Structures are given as C-alpha cells and as structure tokens.
N, C-alpha and C. Protein backbone atom coordinates (compact mmCIF):
# COMPACT_ATOMS: atom_id res chain seq x y z
N MET A 1 10.13 7.53 -8.93
CA MET A 1 10.04 7.55 -7.48
C MET A 1 9.58 6.18 -6.99
N PRO A 2 10.16 5.71 -5.91
CA PRO A 2 9.76 4.41 -5.37
C PRO A 2 8.47 4.48 -4.56
N VAL A 3 7.83 3.34 -4.44
CA VAL A 3 6.64 3.20 -3.60
C VAL A 3 7.08 2.60 -2.28
N TYR A 4 6.71 3.24 -1.18
CA TYR A 4 7.06 2.77 0.15
C TYR A 4 5.79 2.32 0.88
N GLU A 5 5.96 1.35 1.77
CA GLU A 5 4.85 0.88 2.60
C GLU A 5 4.99 1.48 3.99
N TYR A 6 3.86 1.88 4.55
CA TYR A 6 3.82 2.49 5.87
C TYR A 6 2.76 1.83 6.72
N ARG A 7 2.92 1.95 8.04
CA ARG A 7 1.92 1.48 9.00
C ARG A 7 1.66 2.60 9.99
N CYS A 8 0.39 2.80 10.28
CA CYS A 8 -0.01 3.81 11.27
C CYS A 8 0.12 3.21 12.66
N ASN A 9 0.81 3.93 13.55
CA ASN A 9 0.97 3.47 14.93
C ASN A 9 -0.29 3.67 15.76
N CYS A 10 -1.24 4.47 15.26
CA CYS A 10 -2.49 4.72 16.01
C CYS A 10 -3.58 3.71 15.67
N CYS A 11 -3.85 3.53 14.37
CA CYS A 11 -4.97 2.64 13.99
C CYS A 11 -4.52 1.33 13.35
N GLY A 12 -3.21 1.18 13.06
CA GLY A 12 -2.70 -0.06 12.47
C GLY A 12 -2.88 -0.17 10.98
N ASN A 13 -3.41 0.85 10.35
CA ASN A 13 -3.63 0.84 8.90
C ASN A 13 -2.30 0.70 8.16
N ARG A 14 -2.28 -0.15 7.13
CA ARG A 14 -1.11 -0.28 6.26
C ARG A 14 -1.46 0.39 4.94
N PHE A 15 -0.54 1.20 4.43
CA PHE A 15 -0.78 1.90 3.18
C PHE A 15 0.52 2.14 2.45
N GLU A 16 0.42 2.46 1.17
CA GLU A 16 1.57 2.72 0.32
C GLU A 16 1.57 4.17 -0.10
N ALA A 17 2.77 4.70 -0.37
CA ALA A 17 2.90 6.07 -0.85
C ALA A 17 4.05 6.16 -1.83
N LEU A 18 3.84 6.90 -2.89
CA LEU A 18 4.87 7.17 -3.89
C LEU A 18 5.60 8.42 -3.42
N ARG A 19 6.89 8.26 -3.04
CA ARG A 19 7.63 9.37 -2.45
C ARG A 19 9.06 9.40 -2.96
N LYS A 20 9.66 10.57 -2.88
CA LYS A 20 11.08 10.71 -3.22
C LYS A 20 11.92 9.97 -2.19
N LEU A 21 13.09 9.51 -2.61
CA LEU A 21 13.98 8.78 -1.72
C LEU A 21 14.28 9.56 -0.45
N GLU A 22 14.58 10.85 -0.58
CA GLU A 22 14.93 11.65 0.60
C GLU A 22 13.73 11.93 1.51
N GLU A 23 12.52 11.63 1.07
CA GLU A 23 11.31 11.84 1.88
C GLU A 23 10.81 10.56 2.54
N ARG A 24 11.48 9.43 2.30
CA ARG A 24 10.95 8.13 2.72
C ARG A 24 10.70 8.02 4.22
N ASP A 25 11.51 8.69 5.06
CA ASP A 25 11.35 8.59 6.51
C ASP A 25 10.70 9.81 7.15
N VAL A 26 10.28 10.76 6.33
CA VAL A 26 9.56 11.93 6.83
C VAL A 26 8.15 11.47 7.18
N PRO A 27 7.63 11.85 8.36
CA PRO A 27 6.28 11.41 8.73
C PRO A 27 5.25 11.74 7.64
N ILE A 28 4.34 10.80 7.44
CA ILE A 28 3.30 10.94 6.42
C ILE A 28 1.95 10.68 7.08
N GLU A 29 0.93 11.37 6.64
CA GLU A 29 -0.39 11.24 7.24
C GLU A 29 -1.06 9.94 6.84
N CYS A 30 -1.63 9.25 7.81
CA CYS A 30 -2.39 8.02 7.57
C CYS A 30 -3.69 8.38 6.85
N PRO A 31 -4.00 7.72 5.74
CA PRO A 31 -5.25 8.04 5.04
C PRO A 31 -6.49 7.58 5.82
N GLY A 32 -6.31 6.70 6.80
CA GLY A 32 -7.45 6.21 7.58
C GLY A 32 -7.86 7.14 8.71
N CYS A 33 -6.90 7.45 9.60
CA CYS A 33 -7.25 8.25 10.79
C CYS A 33 -6.62 9.64 10.79
N LYS A 34 -5.83 9.94 9.76
CA LYS A 34 -5.19 11.26 9.58
C LYS A 34 -4.07 11.55 10.58
N SER A 35 -3.62 10.53 11.31
CA SER A 35 -2.51 10.71 12.24
C SER A 35 -1.19 10.75 11.47
N SER A 36 -0.21 11.49 11.98
CA SER A 36 1.14 11.51 11.40
C SER A 36 2.08 10.58 12.16
N ASN A 37 1.54 9.80 13.08
CA ASN A 37 2.32 8.85 13.86
C ASN A 37 2.42 7.54 13.06
N THR A 38 3.24 7.57 12.02
CA THR A 38 3.38 6.43 11.11
C THR A 38 4.84 6.02 11.01
N ARG A 39 5.06 4.81 10.51
CA ARG A 39 6.44 4.34 10.31
C ARG A 39 6.52 3.60 8.98
N ARG A 40 7.69 3.64 8.38
CA ARG A 40 7.93 2.93 7.13
C ARG A 40 8.17 1.46 7.44
N GLU A 41 7.55 0.59 6.67
CA GLU A 41 7.68 -0.85 6.84
C GLU A 41 8.69 -1.40 5.83
N VAL A 42 9.21 -2.57 6.12
CA VAL A 42 10.05 -3.28 5.16
C VAL A 42 9.10 -3.96 4.18
N SER A 43 9.25 -3.65 2.92
CA SER A 43 8.36 -4.21 1.90
C SER A 43 8.70 -5.65 1.60
N THR A 44 7.67 -6.41 1.30
CA THR A 44 7.84 -7.77 0.84
C THR A 44 7.46 -7.83 -0.63
N PHE A 45 8.01 -8.80 -1.33
CA PHE A 45 7.69 -8.94 -2.73
C PHE A 45 7.75 -10.40 -3.12
N GLY A 46 7.12 -10.73 -4.21
CA GLY A 46 7.12 -12.10 -4.70
C GLY A 46 7.74 -12.15 -6.07
N THR A 47 8.24 -13.32 -6.41
CA THR A 47 8.79 -13.52 -7.74
C THR A 47 8.18 -14.77 -8.34
N THR A 48 8.22 -14.83 -9.62
CA THR A 48 7.76 -16.02 -10.32
C THR A 48 8.85 -16.47 -11.26
N LYS A 49 8.88 -17.75 -11.51
CA LYS A 49 9.86 -18.30 -12.43
C LYS A 49 9.23 -18.34 -13.81
N SER A 50 9.83 -17.66 -14.75
CA SER A 50 9.28 -17.65 -16.10
C SER A 50 9.69 -18.91 -16.84
N SER A 51 8.94 -19.24 -17.86
CA SER A 51 9.27 -20.44 -18.63
C SER A 51 10.58 -20.26 -19.38
N GLY A 52 10.94 -19.03 -19.71
CA GLY A 52 12.20 -18.76 -20.39
C GLY A 52 13.41 -19.13 -19.54
N ALA A 53 13.32 -18.93 -18.24
CA ALA A 53 14.44 -19.24 -17.35
C ALA A 53 14.69 -20.74 -17.30
N SER A 54 13.62 -21.53 -17.30
CA SER A 54 13.82 -22.97 -17.24
C SER A 54 14.40 -23.50 -18.54
N LYS A 55 14.04 -22.90 -19.67
CA LYS A 55 14.62 -23.31 -20.95
C LYS A 55 16.11 -23.00 -20.97
N LEU A 56 16.48 -21.85 -20.42
CA LEU A 56 17.88 -21.46 -20.39
C LEU A 56 18.69 -22.43 -19.54
N SER A 57 18.18 -22.75 -18.36
CA SER A 57 18.93 -23.62 -17.46
C SER A 57 19.01 -25.05 -18.00
N SER A 58 18.00 -25.51 -18.72
CA SER A 58 18.05 -26.87 -19.24
C SER A 58 18.97 -26.98 -20.45
N SER A 59 19.28 -25.87 -21.11
CA SER A 59 20.16 -25.93 -22.27
C SER A 59 21.63 -25.85 -21.88
N CYS A 60 21.93 -25.57 -20.64
CA CYS A 60 23.31 -25.51 -20.17
C CYS A 60 23.75 -26.92 -19.79
N SER A 61 24.95 -27.27 -20.15
CA SER A 61 25.45 -28.60 -19.78
C SER A 61 26.46 -28.46 -18.65
N ASN A 62 26.56 -29.46 -17.84
CA ASN A 62 27.48 -29.47 -16.72
C ASN A 62 28.53 -30.54 -17.01
N THR A 63 29.54 -30.18 -17.79
CA THR A 63 30.55 -31.16 -18.20
C THR A 63 31.79 -31.12 -17.32
N GLY A 64 31.85 -30.18 -16.40
CA GLY A 64 32.99 -30.08 -15.50
C GLY A 64 34.09 -29.18 -16.02
N SER A 65 34.02 -28.76 -17.27
CA SER A 65 35.03 -27.85 -17.80
C SER A 65 34.41 -26.47 -17.93
N SER A 66 35.24 -25.47 -17.84
CA SER A 66 34.77 -24.11 -17.94
C SER A 66 35.70 -23.30 -18.81
N LYS A 67 35.12 -22.48 -19.68
CA LYS A 67 35.95 -21.62 -20.51
C LYS A 67 36.40 -20.38 -19.75
N PHE A 68 35.95 -20.22 -18.51
CA PHE A 68 36.30 -19.05 -17.71
C PHE A 68 37.41 -19.35 -16.70
N GLY A 69 38.05 -20.44 -16.80
CA GLY A 69 39.19 -20.71 -15.95
C GLY A 69 38.87 -21.68 -14.90
C-alpha cells in the first residue's frame, strides 16, 4: 500500500497515511484536530546520485557510432 500525504483544511497539519489506492481520496481524520476536512497533497521526494551511477557513466564512450542503428 502506498503512503499518501494529507493536509488538514482546519488546522493546517500535514500528515501521512498508509492507504489503499482506492481509498486515497476518501476523507481521513486529521490526527491533530480530528477534523475530516482534509485533502491529499502532491508528495515531494528527493533522490541521490550513487557512486555506482557515476562509474557507469564514466565507462561509456561517446565515439559517435551506435550498435543500435
């Protein structure tokens, strides 16, 4: 099950909930003020570049020819 982020329209509290896909937009109770006047937020995420990715990219050569056509 995915984790969704929500914001309470009453108190502004941001919280996460583990919910089924079909339940993602069903109102959920705010853990702060207990209101059901909440909305699902667009989640943000971060990525990091691993050292393995840089090794892979540095081992590729750019000779202008391609075996894929």
